[in-house]
Amino acid sequence: MKPLNLFKTLLRNQPKTSTTGFTIIELIFVVLIIGILSTIALPGWNAFINRQRTRTVNNGVLQALRAAQSDAKSTKVKKRLQFRYNDEKDPDTNKPYNDPPRFVIYDPPGDDEDPPSETYPKNDADGSDGFLWNSLRANGEIKPGMVKLSVKECETKDDDGNCKAYKDDEDGVIQFDNLGAVEVDDQELPQELPFAVSVSTAKEDAFKRCVIIETILGSMRIEEGEFNSSKGEGCP
């Protein structure tokens, strides 16, 4: 037999490969397995995303605090850092000014200017009057309703000077002197330490992260979780 004829004969004798595909039952089974796995993985994925968002905004808070302190040192001029997170809305767009939260760094006002308050600087400050609000939206990654921010200062200390309870900071403002130290005895803006800026998810406090300024020299540390007064750890 010629080689070519032998080759054709061998090809004819090879078993044919099945091309029937999956049955309906097999497809349903695969879909069910995918659905079950997705249901199991979804809560863990959501928790991971929430943690990342909280860390991102908290890093922005830390950078803002360090920038204000550094500006005060380099310019030898007092600097104030103010966080704003109220629900005031832009009357033209009806969108919240401060969601995501915002901050501004500015020189303290003179004697003839209004003291810092909930409306100083104004929410619509766009830089034209010397004030420019910066959003903690992380280049658009953080959308309205994703995170919330709170600013607190120590209310009660034990005999060793450790903070046992916090209260809301009235203005959300901290002031650094011309050496970068925290001004605690300013008549207009008395400041209790520690000073804490906390970030958490907007719908639930499942994950919380904060920056705490602990000393007059402006030393900062990062904490996570709810505040534990007995250990002095966590975020208020």
C-alpha atoms as a PDB file:
ATOM      1  CA  MET A   1       0.000   0.000   0.000  1.00  0.00           C
ATOM      2  CA  LYS A   2       1.226   3.404  -0.942  1.00  0.00           C
ATOM      3  CA  PRO A   3       2.150   5.757   1.916  1.00  0.00           C
ATOM      4  CA  LEU A   4      -0.499   8.297   0.883  1.00  0.00           C
ATOM      5  CA  ASN A   5      -3.289   5.693   0.871  1.00  0.00           C
ATOM      6  CA  LEU A   6      -2.114   4.371   4.256  1.00  0.00           C
ATOM      7  CA  PHE A   7      -2.282   7.885   5.720  1.00  0.00           C
ATOM      8  CA  LYS A   8      -5.854   8.380   4.450  1.00  0.00           C
ATOM      9  CA  THR A   9      -6.900   5.019   5.902  1.00  0.00           C
ATOM     10  CA  LEU A  10      -5.510   5.916   9.340  1.00  0.00           C
ATOM     11  CA  LEU A  11      -7.373   9.231   9.308  1.00  0.00           C
ATOM     12  CA  ARG A  12     -10.673   7.489   8.536  1.00  0.00           C
ATOM     13  CA  ASN A  13     -10.152   5.078  11.445  1.00  0.00           C
ATOM     14  CA  GLN A  14      -9.575   7.876  14.053  1.00  0.00           C
ATOM     15  CA  PRO A  15     -12.521   8.381  16.464  1.00  0.00           C
ATOM     16  CA  LYS A  16     -14.441  11.573  15.788  1.00  0.00           C
ATOM     17  CA  THR A  17     -14.305  14.298  18.428  1.00  0.00           C
ATOM     18  CA  SER A  18     -17.617  15.171  19.999  1.00  0.00           C
ATOM     19  CA  THR A  19     -18.903  18.660  19.221  1.00  0.00           C
ATOM     20  CA  THR A  20     -22.198  18.446  21.062  1.00  0.00           C
ATOM     21  CA  GLY A  21     -21.170  21.065  23.776  1.00  0.00           C
ATOM     22  CA  PHE A  22     -22.751  21.478  27.250  1.00  0.00           C
ATOM     23  CA  THR A  23     -26.185  20.237  28.148  1.00  0.00           C
ATOM     24  CA  ILE A  24     -28.783  22.577  29.696  1.00  0.00           C
ATOM     25  CA  ILE A  25     -28.341  20.889  33.087  1.00  0.00           C
ATOM     26  CA  GLU A  26     -24.581  21.431  32.957  1.00  0.00           C
ATOM     27  CA  LEU A  27     -25.050  25.109  32.082  1.00  0.00           C
ATOM     28  CA  ILE A  28     -27.533  25.616  34.934  1.00  0.00           C
ATOM     29  CA  PHE A  29     -25.088  23.953  37.334  1.00  0.00           C
ATOM     30  CA  VAL A  30     -22.240  26.241  36.221  1.00  0.00           C
ATOM     31  CA  VAL A  31     -24.428  29.349  36.598  1.00  0.00           C
ATOM     32  CA  LEU A  32     -25.494  28.270  40.101  1.00  0.00           C
ATOM     33  CA  ILE A  33     -21.886  27.705  41.160  1.00  0.00           C
ATOM     34  CA  ILE A  34     -20.874  31.151  39.862  1.00  0.00           C
ATOM     35  CA  GLY A  35     -23.801  32.755  41.702  1.00  0.00           C
ATOM     36  CA  ILE A  36     -22.948  31.023  44.976  1.00  0.00           C
ATOM     37  CA  LEU A  37     -19.280  32.001  44.753  1.00  0.00           C
ATOM     38  CA  SER A  38     -20.209  35.613  43.942  1.00  0.00           C
ATOM     39  CA  THR A  39     -22.539  35.786  46.947  1.00  0.00           C
ATOM     40  CA  ILE A  40     -19.794  34.494  49.224  1.00  0.00           C
ATOM     41  CA  ALA A  41     -17.143  36.870  47.857  1.00  0.00           C
ATOM     42  CA  LEU A  42     -19.241  40.067  47.622  1.00  0.00           C
ATOM     43  CA  PRO A  43     -19.246  41.080  51.338  1.00  0.00           C
ATOM     44  CA  GLY A  44     -15.501  40.606  51.559  1.00  0.00           C
ATOM     45  CA  TRP A  45     -14.954  42.628  48.399  1.00  0.00           C
ATOM     46  CA  ASN A  46     -17.180  45.465  49.641  1.00  0.00           C
ATOM     47  CA  ALA A  47     -15.302  45.535  52.944  1.00  0.00           C
ATOM     48  CA  PHE A  48     -11.995  45.714  51.074  1.00  0.00           C
ATOM     49  CA  ILE A  49     -13.221  48.619  48.913  1.00  0.00           C
ATOM     50  CA  ASN A  50     -14.515  50.509  51.976  1.00  0.00           C
ATOM     51  CA  ARG A  51     -11.178  50.087  53.727  1.00  0.00           C
ATOM     52  CA  GLN A  52      -9.321  51.393  50.694  1.00  0.00           C
ATOM     53  CA  ARG A  53     -11.580  54.450  50.436  1.00  0.00           C
ATOM     54  CA  THR A  54     -11.157  55.225  54.120  1.00  0.00           C
ATOM     55  CA  ARG A  55      -7.382  54.867  53.900  1.00  0.00           C
ATOM     56  CA  THR A  56      -7.273  57.108  50.826  1.00  0.00           C
ATOM     57  CA  VAL A  57      -9.147  59.970  52.498  1.00  0.00           C
ATOM     58  CA  ASN A  58      -7.216  59.509  55.736  1.00  0.00           C
ATOM     59  CA  ASN A  59      -3.951  59.824  53.800  1.00  0.00           C
ATOM     60  CA  GLY A  60      -5.290  63.091  52.386  1.00  0.00           C
ATOM     61  CA  VAL A  61      -5.998  64.317  55.917  1.00  0.00           C
ATOM     62  CA  LEU A  62      -2.464  63.435  57.027  1.00  0.00           C
ATOM     63  CA  GLN A  63      -0.948  65.226  54.029  1.00  0.00           C
ATOM     64  CA  ALA A  64      -3.057  68.339  54.737  1.00  0.00           C
ATOM     65  CA  LEU A  65      -1.931  68.440  58.377  1.00  0.00           C
ATOM     66  CA  ARG A  66       1.709  68.023  57.416  1.00  0.00           C
ATOM     67  CA  ALA A  67       1.398  70.665  54.692  1.00  0.00           C
ATOM     68  CA  ALA A  68      -0.043  73.222  57.128  1.00  0.00           C
ATOM     69  CA  GLN A  69       2.675  72.480  59.663  1.00  0.00           C
ATOM     70  CA  SER A  70       5.390  72.650  57.008  1.00  0.00           C
ATOM     71  CA  ASP A  71       4.038  75.944  55.619  1.00  0.00           C
ATOM     72  CA  ALA A  72       4.125  77.479  59.088  1.00  0.00           C
ATOM     73  CA  LYS A  73       7.745  76.413  59.568  1.00  0.00           C
ATOM     74  CA  SER A  74       8.985  77.505  56.159  1.00  0.00           C
ATOM     75  CA  THR A  75       7.222  80.884  56.056  1.00  0.00           C
ATOM     76  CA  LYS A  76       7.605  81.629  59.789  1.00  0.00           C
ATOM     77  CA  VAL A  77       3.927  82.619  59.778  1.00  0.00           C
ATOM     78  CA  LYS A  78       1.056  81.087  61.749  1.00  0.00           C
ATOM     79  CA  LYS A  79      -1.143  78.791  59.682  1.00  0.00           C
ATOM     80  CA  ARG A  80      -4.619  77.442  60.238  1.00  0.00           C
ATOM     81  CA  LEU A  81      -5.981  74.247  58.775  1.00  0.00           C
ATOM     82  CA  GLN A  82      -9.746  73.985  58.695  1.00  0.00           C
ATOM     83  CA  PHE A  83     -11.781  70.918  57.759  1.00  0.00           C
ATOM     84  CA  ARG A  84     -15.359  71.280  56.647  1.00  0.00           C
ATOM     85  CA  TYR A  85     -17.928  68.506  56.441  1.00  0.00           C
ATOM     86  CA  ASN A  86     -21.312  70.159  57.028  1.00  0.00           C
ATOM     87  CA  ASP A  87     -24.303  69.627  54.725  1.00  0.00           C
ATOM     88  CA  GLU A  88     -24.558  73.124  53.228  1.00  0.00           C
ATOM     89  CA  LYS A  89     -25.389  73.046  49.508  1.00  0.00           C
ATOM     90  CA  ASP A  90     -24.490  75.225  46.562  1.00  0.00           C
ATOM     91  CA  PRO A  91     -27.695  77.188  45.814  1.00  0.00           C
ATOM     92  CA  ASP A  92     -26.953  77.144  42.076  1.00  0.00           C
ATOM     93  CA  THR A  93     -26.417  73.397  41.699  1.00  0.00           C
ATOM     94  CA  ASN A  94     -28.071  72.054  44.878  1.00  0.00           C
ATOM     95  CA  LYS A  95     -25.012  69.851  45.358  1.00  0.00           C
ATOM     96  CA  PRO A  96     -23.268  69.632  48.744  1.00  0.00           C
ATOM     97  CA  TYR A  97     -20.185  71.786  49.133  1.00  0.00           C
ATOM     98  CA  ASN A  98     -18.510  69.436  51.581  1.00  0.00           C
ATOM     99  CA  ASP A  99     -19.235  65.889  50.444  1.00  0.00           C
ATOM    100  CA  PRO A 100     -16.567  64.630  50.010  1.00  0.00           C
ATOM    101  CA  PRO A 101     -15.115  66.673  52.903  1.00  0.00           C
ATOM    102  CA  ARG A 102     -12.853  69.654  52.177  1.00  0.00           C
ATOM    103  CA  PHE A 103     -10.025  71.551  53.818  1.00  0.00           C
ATOM    104  CA  VAL A 104      -8.291  74.906  53.499  1.00  0.00           C
ATOM    105  CA  ILE A 105      -4.957  76.249  54.787  1.00  0.00           C
ATOM    106  CA  TYR A 106      -4.832  79.976  55.511  1.00  0.00           C
ATOM    107  CA  ASP A 107      -3.246  82.700  57.633  1.00  0.00           C
ATOM    108  CA  PRO A 108      -5.140  83.602  60.831  1.00  0.00           C
ATOM    109  CA  PRO A 109      -7.327  86.708  60.406  1.00  0.00           C
ATOM    110  CA  GLY A 110      -6.222  90.085  61.721  1.00  0.00           C
ATOM    111  CA  ASP A 111      -7.932  91.958  64.537  1.00  0.00           C
ATOM    112  CA  ASP A 112     -10.285  93.680  62.098  1.00  0.00           C
ATOM    113  CA  GLU A 113     -11.435  90.449  60.462  1.00  0.00           C
ATOM    114  CA  ASP A 114     -14.057  87.937  61.504  1.00  0.00           C
ATOM    115  CA  PRO A 115     -12.798  85.085  63.699  1.00  0.00           C
ATOM    116  CA  PRO A 116     -12.944  81.511  62.363  1.00  0.00           C
ATOM    117  CA  SER A 117     -16.391  79.987  62.475  1.00  0.00           C
ATOM    118  CA  GLU A 118     -18.655  77.623  60.598  1.00  0.00           C
ATOM    119  CA  THR A 119     -18.856  80.219  57.807  1.00  0.00           C
ATOM    120  CA  TYR A 120     -15.221  81.380  57.746  1.00  0.00           C
ATOM    121  CA  PRO A 121     -13.876  80.918  55.160  1.00  0.00           C
ATOM    122  CA  LYS A 122     -17.109  80.801  53.166  1.00  0.00           C
ATOM    123  CA  ASN A 123     -18.108  77.532  51.555  1.00  0.00           C
ATOM    124  CA  ASP A 124     -18.040  79.091  48.102  1.00  0.00           C
ATOM    125  CA  ALA A 125     -14.491  80.438  48.474  1.00  0.00           C
ATOM    126  CA  ASP A 126     -12.855  79.815  45.110  1.00  0.00           C
ATOM    127  CA  GLY A 127      -9.470  81.435  45.640  1.00  0.00           C
ATOM    128  CA  SER A 128     -10.500  84.920  44.547  1.00  0.00           C
ATOM    129  CA  ASP A 129     -10.556  86.163  48.142  1.00  0.00           C
ATOM    130  CA  GLY A 130      -7.407  84.322  49.196  1.00  0.00           C
ATOM    131  CA  PHE A 131      -9.147  81.128  50.290  1.00  0.00           C
ATOM    132  CA  LEU A 132      -9.263  77.981  48.192  1.00  0.00           C
ATOM    133  CA  TRP A 133     -11.026  74.876  49.454  1.00  0.00           C
ATOM    134  CA  ASN A 134      -9.444  71.538  48.552  1.00  0.00           C
ATOM    135  CA  SER A 135     -11.601  68.444  48.250  1.00  0.00           C
ATOM    136  CA  LEU A 136     -10.600  65.095  49.755  1.00  0.00           C
ATOM    137  CA  ARG A 137     -12.073  63.289  46.759  1.00  0.00           C
ATOM    138  CA  ALA A 138      -8.775  61.728  45.667  1.00  0.00           C
ATOM    139  CA  ASN A 139      -8.909  62.779  41.990  1.00  0.00           C
ATOM    140  CA  GLY A 140     -12.556  61.781  41.715  1.00  0.00           C
ATOM    141  CA  GLU A 141     -12.161  58.356  43.315  1.00  0.00           C
ATOM    142  CA  ILE A 142     -14.267  59.373  46.339  1.00  0.00           C
ATOM    143  CA  LYS A 143     -17.878  60.213  45.449  1.00  0.00           C
ATOM    144  CA  PRO A 144     -20.538  61.965  47.580  1.00  0.00           C
ATOM    145  CA  GLY A 145     -21.988  59.669  50.215  1.00  0.00           C
ATOM    146  CA  MET A 146     -18.995  57.330  50.404  1.00  0.00           C
ATOM    147  CA  VAL A 147     -17.162  58.596  53.500  1.00  0.00           C
ATOM    148  CA  LYS A 148     -17.742  60.876  56.454  1.00  0.00           C
ATOM    149  CA  LEU A 149     -15.301  62.914  58.488  1.00  0.00           C
ATOM    150  CA  SER A 150     -15.323  64.106  62.085  1.00  0.00           C
ATOM    151  CA  VAL A 151     -12.985  66.390  64.022  1.00  0.00           C
ATOM    152  CA  LYS A 152     -12.663  65.974  67.783  1.00  0.00           C
ATOM    153  CA  GLU A 153     -10.493  67.168  70.651  1.00  0.00           C
ATOM    154  CA  CYS A 154      -9.813  65.696  74.063  1.00  0.00           C
ATOM    155  CA  GLU A 155     -12.406  66.421  76.741  1.00  0.00           C
ATOM    156  CA  THR A 156     -11.291  64.327  79.731  1.00  0.00           C
ATOM    157  CA  LYS A 157      -7.834  63.143  80.802  1.00  0.00           C
ATOM    158  CA  ASP A 158      -6.690  60.828  83.568  1.00  0.00           C
ATOM    159  CA  ASP A 159      -4.059  61.680  86.175  1.00  0.00           C
ATOM    160  CA  ASP A 160      -1.295  60.635  83.770  1.00  0.00           C
ATOM    161  CA  GLY A 161      -2.512  62.987  81.047  1.00  0.00           C
ATOM    162  CA  ASN A 162      -3.987  60.269  78.840  1.00  0.00           C
ATOM    163  CA  CYS A 163      -7.176  61.194  76.997  1.00  0.00           C
ATOM    164  CA  LYS A 164     -10.186  59.193  78.222  1.00  0.00           C
ATOM    165  CA  ALA A 165     -12.968  60.932  76.280  1.00  0.00           C
ATOM    166  CA  TYR A 166     -13.297  63.180  73.228  1.00  0.00           C
ATOM    167  CA  LYS A 167     -15.760  65.895  72.229  1.00  0.00           C
ATOM    168  CA  ASP A 168     -16.594  67.539  68.908  1.00  0.00           C
ATOM    169  CA  ASP A 169     -14.223  70.315  67.894  1.00  0.00           C
ATOM    170  CA  GLU A 170     -16.429  73.373  67.355  1.00  0.00           C
ATOM    171  CA  ASP A 171     -14.655  74.806  64.314  1.00  0.00           C
ATOM    172  CA  GLY A 172     -12.760  71.887  62.826  1.00  0.00           C
ATOM    173  CA  VAL A 173      -9.682  74.126  62.946  1.00  0.00           C
ATOM    174  CA  ILE A 174      -6.152  73.556  64.190  1.00  0.00           C
ATOM    175  CA  GLN A 175      -3.511  76.295  64.294  1.00  0.00           C
ATOM    176  CA  PHE A 176       0.262  75.948  63.983  1.00  0.00           C
ATOM    177  CA  ASP A 177       2.616  78.688  65.168  1.00  0.00           C
ATOM    178  CA  ASN A 178       5.604  79.974  63.204  1.00  0.00           C
ATOM    179  CA  LEU A 179       7.704  77.035  64.412  1.00  0.00           C
ATOM    180  CA  GLY A 180       5.157  74.405  63.389  1.00  0.00           C
ATOM    181  CA  ALA A 181       3.981  73.723  66.944  1.00  0.00           C
ATOM    182  CA  VAL A 182       0.289  73.513  67.855  1.00  0.00           C
ATOM    183  CA  GLU A 183      -1.029  76.693  69.458  1.00  0.00           C
ATOM    184  CA  VAL A 184      -3.063  75.609  72.463  1.00  0.00           C
ATOM    185  CA  ASP A 185      -3.347  78.961  74.283  1.00  0.00           C
ATOM    186  CA  ASP A 186      -4.608  81.188  71.477  1.00  0.00           C
ATOM    187  CA  GLN A 187      -7.382  83.424  72.870  1.00  0.00           C
ATOM    188  CA  GLU A 188      -9.496  83.190  69.725  1.00  0.00           C
ATOM    189  CA  LEU A 189      -8.884  79.522  69.140  1.00  0.00           C
ATOM    190  CA  PRO A 190      -8.011  77.562  72.291  1.00  0.00           C
ATOM    191  CA  GLN A 191      -7.040  74.013  71.401  1.00  0.00           C
ATOM    192  CA  GLU A 192      -7.183  70.854  73.494  1.00  0.00           C
ATOM    193  CA  LEU A 193      -4.868  67.973  72.659  1.00  0.00           C
ATOM    194  CA  PRO A 194      -5.006  65.269  71.442  1.00  0.00           C
ATOM    195  CA  PHE A 195      -6.741  66.549  68.298  1.00  0.00           C
ATOM    196  CA  ALA A 196      -8.229  63.825  66.083  1.00  0.00           C
ATOM    197  CA  VAL A 197      -9.546  63.791  62.523  1.00  0.00           C
ATOM    198  CA  SER A 198     -11.430  60.558  61.850  1.00  0.00           C
ATOM    199  CA  VAL A 199     -12.612  59.094  58.546  1.00  0.00           C
ATOM    200  CA  SER A 200     -15.155  56.294  58.263  1.00  0.00           C
ATOM    201  CA  THR A 201     -17.547  54.835  55.730  1.00  0.00           C
ATOM    202  CA  ALA A 202     -20.658  56.982  55.331  1.00  0.00           C
ATOM    203  CA  LYS A 203     -23.292  54.289  55.843  1.00  0.00           C
ATOM    204  CA  GLU A 204     -21.657  52.363  58.635  1.00  0.00           C
ATOM    205  CA  ASP A 205     -18.697  52.680  60.973  1.00  0.00           C
ATOM    206  CA  ALA A 206     -17.427  49.194  60.186  1.00  0.00           C
ATOM    207  CA  PHE A 207     -13.995  50.624  59.477  1.00  0.00           C
ATOM    208  CA  LYS A 208     -12.561  53.831  60.905  1.00  0.00           C
ATOM    209  CA  ARG A 209      -9.136  55.384  60.494  1.00  0.00           C
ATOM    210  CA  CYS A 210      -7.821  58.632  61.943  1.00  0.00           C
ATOM    211  CA  VAL A 211      -4.894  60.985  62.366  1.00  0.00           C
ATOM    212  CA  ILE A 212      -4.218  62.097  65.936  1.00  0.00           C
ATOM    213  CA  ILE A 213      -2.063  65.096  66.826  1.00  0.00           C
ATOM    214  CA  GLU A 214      -0.876  64.228  70.282  1.00  0.00           C
ATOM    215  CA  THR A 215       1.616  66.852  71.460  1.00  0.00           C
ATOM    216  CA  ILE A 216       2.223  70.588  71.262  1.00  0.00           C
ATOM    217  CA  LEU A 217       5.173  69.882  68.965  1.00  0.00           C
ATOM    218  CA  GLY A 218       2.690  68.485  66.457  1.00  0.00           C
ATOM    219  CA  SER A 219       3.667  64.817  66.507  1.00  0.00           C
ATOM    220  CA  MET A 220       1.125  62.751  64.577  1.00  0.00           C
ATOM    221  CA  ARG A 221       0.098  59.121  64.600  1.00  0.00           C
ATOM    222  CA  ILE A 222      -2.439  57.001  62.735  1.00  0.00           C
ATOM    223  CA  GLU A 223      -4.995  54.835  64.521  1.00  0.00           C
ATOM    224  CA  GLU A 224      -7.669  52.389  63.359  1.00  0.00           C
ATOM    225  CA  GLY A 225     -10.937  51.115  64.818  1.00  0.00           C
ATOM    226  CA  GLU A 226     -13.192  52.468  67.543  1.00  0.00           C
ATOM    227  CA  PHE A 227     -11.724  54.384  70.470  1.00  0.00           C
ATOM    228  CA  ASN A 228     -10.876  52.271  73.516  1.00  0.00           C
ATOM    229  CA  SER A 229     -10.671  54.601  76.515  1.00  0.00           C
ATOM    230  CA  SER A 230      -9.026  52.012  78.767  1.00  0.00           C
ATOM    231  CA  LYS A 231      -6.137  51.525  76.332  1.00  0.00           C
ATOM    232  CA  GLY A 232      -6.126  54.977  74.757  1.00  0.00           C
ATOM    233  CA  GLU A 233      -6.169  53.389  71.318  1.00  0.00           C
ATOM    234  CA  GLY A 234      -8.412  53.713  68.282  1.00  0.00           C
ATOM    235  CA  CYS A 235     -10.347  56.590  66.724  1.00  0.00           C
ATOM    236  CA  PRO A 236     -12.908  58.766  68.524  1.00  0.00           C
END
